[in-house]
């Protein structure tokens, strides 16, 4: 199952951006979901996860700036990104975990989207 992430773009430092993720034809209401990112020349890293009863978990680098949320009835997940920094520049991927528990481990996610580019200029 392919997830679809969209909403990326080119913004300036300090701006906000909201990413969206959906999974056409499939529901992940019983699965935790997450956002990851990969900058050029770097490994893919965890950003945020949302799970059972909307529990959330964030990477330290985005805590207080990013907010993950989901609308189960619309099969949508979001990542609200505020106070963006140039170091947030990356391709952002959404993913669905194999369980309902929030997790930052890439290996816990079995379904991935194609990614959306976020570029933050200084």
C-alpha atoms as a PDB file:
ATOM      1  CA  UNK A   1       0.000   0.000   0.000  1.00  0.00           C
ATOM      2  CA  UNK A   2       1.399   3.362  -1.010  1.00  0.00           C
ATOM      3  CA  UNK A   3       0.865   6.386   1.163  1.00  0.00           C
ATOM      4  CA  UNK A   4       0.836   9.821  -0.410  1.00  0.00           C
ATOM      5  CA  UNK A   5       2.573  12.756   1.222  1.00  0.00           C
ATOM      6  CA  UNK A   6       2.122  16.265  -0.103  1.00  0.00           C
ATOM      7  CA  UNK A   7       2.282  19.906   0.903  1.00  0.00           C
ATOM      8  CA  UNK A   8       6.015  20.516   0.697  1.00  0.00           C
ATOM      9  CA  UNK A   9       7.530  23.582  -0.839  1.00  0.00           C
ATOM     10  CA  UNK A  10      10.101  26.354  -0.648  1.00  0.00           C
ATOM     11  CA  UNK A  11       9.774  28.678   2.350  1.00  0.00           C
ATOM     12  CA  UNK A  12      11.930  31.085   4.294  1.00  0.00           C
ATOM     13  CA  UNK A  13      13.335  30.534   7.758  1.00  0.00           C
ATOM     14  CA  UNK A  14      10.693  31.251  10.375  1.00  0.00           C
ATOM     15  CA  UNK A  15       7.797  30.366   8.065  1.00  0.00           C
ATOM     16  CA  UNK A  16       5.249  27.602   8.566  1.00  0.00           C
ATOM     17  CA  UNK A  17       4.182  24.717   6.370  1.00  0.00           C
ATOM     18  CA  UNK A  18       1.675  21.898   6.751  1.00  0.00           C
ATOM     19  CA  UNK A  19       2.276  18.483   5.275  1.00  0.00           C
ATOM     20  CA  UNK A  20      -0.536  16.032   4.624  1.00  0.00           C
ATOM     21  CA  UNK A  21      -0.567  12.285   4.186  1.00  0.00           C
ATOM     22  CA  UNK A  22      -3.267   9.957   2.963  1.00  0.00           C
ATOM     23  CA  UNK A  23      -3.556   6.307   1.996  1.00  0.00           C
ATOM     24  CA  UNK A  24      -5.993   5.847  -0.886  1.00  0.00           C
ATOM     25  CA  UNK A  25      -8.007   2.673  -0.571  1.00  0.00           C
ATOM     26  CA  UNK A  26      -6.661   1.706   2.835  1.00  0.00           C
ATOM     27  CA  UNK A  27      -7.306   2.775   6.391  1.00  0.00           C
ATOM     28  CA  UNK A  28      -4.680   2.822   9.129  1.00  0.00           C
ATOM     29  CA  UNK A  29      -6.950   3.757  12.022  1.00  0.00           C
ATOM     30  CA  UNK A  30      -5.494   0.953  14.157  1.00  0.00           C
ATOM     31  CA  UNK A  31      -1.892   1.769  13.294  1.00  0.00           C
ATOM     32  CA  UNK A  32       0.464   4.361  14.581  1.00  0.00           C
ATOM     33  CA  UNK A  33       1.700   6.663  11.849  1.00  0.00           C
ATOM     34  CA  UNK A  34       4.758   8.791  11.550  1.00  0.00           C
ATOM     35  CA  UNK A  35       6.810  11.327   9.663  1.00  0.00           C
ATOM     36  CA  UNK A  36      10.434  10.884   8.746  1.00  0.00           C
ATOM     37  CA  UNK A  37      12.830  13.031   6.758  1.00  0.00           C
ATOM     38  CA  UNK A  38      15.989  12.598   4.775  1.00  0.00           C
ATOM     39  CA  UNK A  39      18.390  15.391   3.932  1.00  0.00           C
ATOM     40  CA  UNK A  40      20.926  15.089   1.082  1.00  0.00           C
ATOM     41  CA  UNK A  41      23.797  12.865   2.095  1.00  0.00           C
ATOM     42  CA  UNK A  42      22.197  11.904   5.385  1.00  0.00           C
ATOM     43  CA  UNK A  43      20.268   8.932   6.660  1.00  0.00           C
ATOM     44  CA  UNK A  44      16.524   8.988   7.042  1.00  0.00           C
ATOM     45  CA  UNK A  45      15.575  10.216  10.497  1.00  0.00           C
ATOM     46  CA  UNK A  46      12.493  10.162  12.667  1.00  0.00           C
ATOM     47  CA  UNK A  47      10.451  13.339  13.045  1.00  0.00           C
ATOM     48  CA  UNK A  48       7.147  12.544  14.766  1.00  0.00           C
ATOM     49  CA  UNK A  49       4.710   9.737  15.448  1.00  0.00           C
ATOM     50  CA  UNK A  50       1.046   9.533  16.437  1.00  0.00           C
ATOM     51  CA  UNK A  51      -0.573   6.420  17.813  1.00  0.00           C
ATOM     52  CA  UNK A  52      -3.212   4.938  20.055  1.00  0.00           C
ATOM     53  CA  UNK A  53      -5.565   7.543  21.560  1.00  0.00           C
ATOM     54  CA  UNK A  54      -3.644  10.209  19.640  1.00  0.00           C
ATOM     55  CA  UNK A  55      -0.535   9.797  21.741  1.00  0.00           C
ATOM     56  CA  UNK A  56       2.395  11.619  20.168  1.00  0.00           C
ATOM     57  CA  UNK A  57       6.146  11.345  20.144  1.00  0.00           C
ATOM     58  CA  UNK A  58       8.641  13.811  18.669  1.00  0.00           C
ATOM     59  CA  UNK A  59      12.277  13.998  17.837  1.00  0.00           C
ATOM     60  CA  UNK A  60      14.068  16.475  20.084  1.00  0.00           C
ATOM     61  CA  UNK A  61      15.040  18.575  17.080  1.00  0.00           C
ATOM     62  CA  UNK A  62      11.410  19.421  16.267  1.00  0.00           C
ATOM     63  CA  UNK A  63       9.778  19.345  19.684  1.00  0.00           C
ATOM     64  CA  UNK A  64       7.854  22.561  20.322  1.00  0.00           C
ATOM     65  CA  UNK A  65       7.902  23.535  16.645  1.00  0.00           C
ATOM     66  CA  UNK A  66       6.161  20.666  14.860  1.00  0.00           C
ATOM     67  CA  UNK A  67       2.763  19.152  15.616  1.00  0.00           C
ATOM     68  CA  UNK A  68       1.535  15.824  14.307  1.00  0.00           C
ATOM     69  CA  UNK A  69      -2.187  15.125  14.074  1.00  0.00           C
ATOM     70  CA  UNK A  70      -4.622  12.905  12.264  1.00  0.00           C
ATOM     71  CA  UNK A  71      -8.261  12.752  11.197  1.00  0.00           C
ATOM     72  CA  UNK A  72      -9.300   9.131  11.342  1.00  0.00           C
ATOM     73  CA  UNK A  73     -12.663   9.727   9.657  1.00  0.00           C
ATOM     74  CA  UNK A  74     -10.867  11.269   6.676  1.00  0.00           C
ATOM     75  CA  UNK A  75      -7.940   8.863   6.700  1.00  0.00           C
ATOM     76  CA  UNK A  76      -5.566  11.811   6.868  1.00  0.00           C
ATOM     77  CA  UNK A  77      -2.446  12.657   8.848  1.00  0.00           C
ATOM     78  CA  UNK A  78      -0.753  16.040   9.114  1.00  0.00           C
ATOM     79  CA  UNK A  79       2.488  17.619  10.189  1.00  0.00           C
ATOM     80  CA  UNK A  80       2.235  21.289  11.093  1.00  0.00           C
ATOM     81  CA  UNK A  81       5.710  22.776  10.936  1.00  0.00           C
ATOM     82  CA  UNK A  82       6.296  26.188  12.517  1.00  0.00           C
ATOM     83  CA  UNK A  83       9.434  28.270  12.974  1.00  0.00           C
ATOM     84  CA  UNK A  84      11.135  26.380  10.174  1.00  0.00           C
ATOM     85  CA  UNK A  85      14.931  26.390  10.011  1.00  0.00           C
ATOM     86  CA  UNK A  86      17.290  25.734   7.104  1.00  0.00           C
ATOM     87  CA  UNK A  87      18.301  22.474   8.813  1.00  0.00           C
ATOM     88  CA  UNK A  88      14.710  21.260   8.396  1.00  0.00           C
ATOM     89  CA  UNK A  89      15.353  21.046   4.653  1.00  0.00           C
ATOM     90  CA  UNK A  90      14.752  17.450   3.558  1.00  0.00           C
ATOM     91  CA  UNK A  91      12.409  15.098   1.792  1.00  0.00           C
ATOM     92  CA  UNK A  92       9.624  14.276   4.231  1.00  0.00           C
ATOM     93  CA  UNK A  93       8.038  10.843   4.212  1.00  0.00           C
ATOM     94  CA  UNK A  94       4.908   9.577   5.899  1.00  0.00           C
ATOM     95  CA  UNK A  95       4.648   6.002   7.067  1.00  0.00           C
ATOM     96  CA  UNK A  96       2.318   3.572   8.815  1.00  0.00           C
ATOM     97  CA  UNK A  97       3.594   1.432  11.652  1.00  0.00           C
ATOM     98  CA  UNK A  98       2.823  -2.232  12.216  1.00  0.00           C
ATOM     99  CA  UNK A  99       1.272  -1.572  15.624  1.00  0.00           C
ATOM    100  CA  UNK A 100      -0.746   1.143  17.336  1.00  0.00           C
ATOM    101  CA  UNK A 101       2.149   2.291  19.514  1.00  0.00           C
ATOM    102  CA  UNK A 102       4.107   5.423  18.698  1.00  0.00           C
ATOM    103  CA  UNK A 103       7.648   4.645  17.642  1.00  0.00           C
ATOM    104  CA  UNK A 104      10.662   6.338  16.156  1.00  0.00           C
ATOM    105  CA  UNK A 105      12.242   3.200  14.735  1.00  0.00           C
ATOM    106  CA  UNK A 106      12.221   2.967  10.946  1.00  0.00           C
ATOM    107  CA  UNK A 107      12.005  -0.825  11.129  1.00  0.00           C
ATOM    108  CA  UNK A 108       8.641  -0.566  12.931  1.00  0.00           C
ATOM    109  CA  UNK A 109       7.040   0.975   9.843  1.00  0.00           C
ATOM    110  CA  UNK A 110       5.814  -1.248   7.049  1.00  0.00           C
ATOM    111  CA  UNK A 111       4.159   1.187   4.648  1.00  0.00           C
ATOM    112  CA  UNK A 112       5.750   4.302   3.184  1.00  0.00           C
ATOM    113  CA  UNK A 113       4.849   7.236   0.986  1.00  0.00           C
ATOM    114  CA  UNK A 114       6.871   8.703  -1.845  1.00  0.00           C
ATOM    115  CA  UNK A 115       8.007  11.830   0.004  1.00  0.00           C
ATOM    116  CA  UNK A 116       7.552  15.546  -0.421  1.00  0.00           C
ATOM    117  CA  UNK A 117      10.375  18.082  -0.598  1.00  0.00           C
ATOM    118  CA  UNK A 118      10.638  20.810   2.021  1.00  0.00           C
ATOM    119  CA  UNK A 119      13.253  23.499   1.423  1.00  0.00           C
ATOM    120  CA  UNK A 120      13.870  26.254   3.966  1.00  0.00           C
ATOM    121  CA  UNK A 121      16.002  29.160   2.840  1.00  0.00           C
ATOM    122  CA  UNK A 122      17.936  31.343   5.266  1.00  0.00           C
END
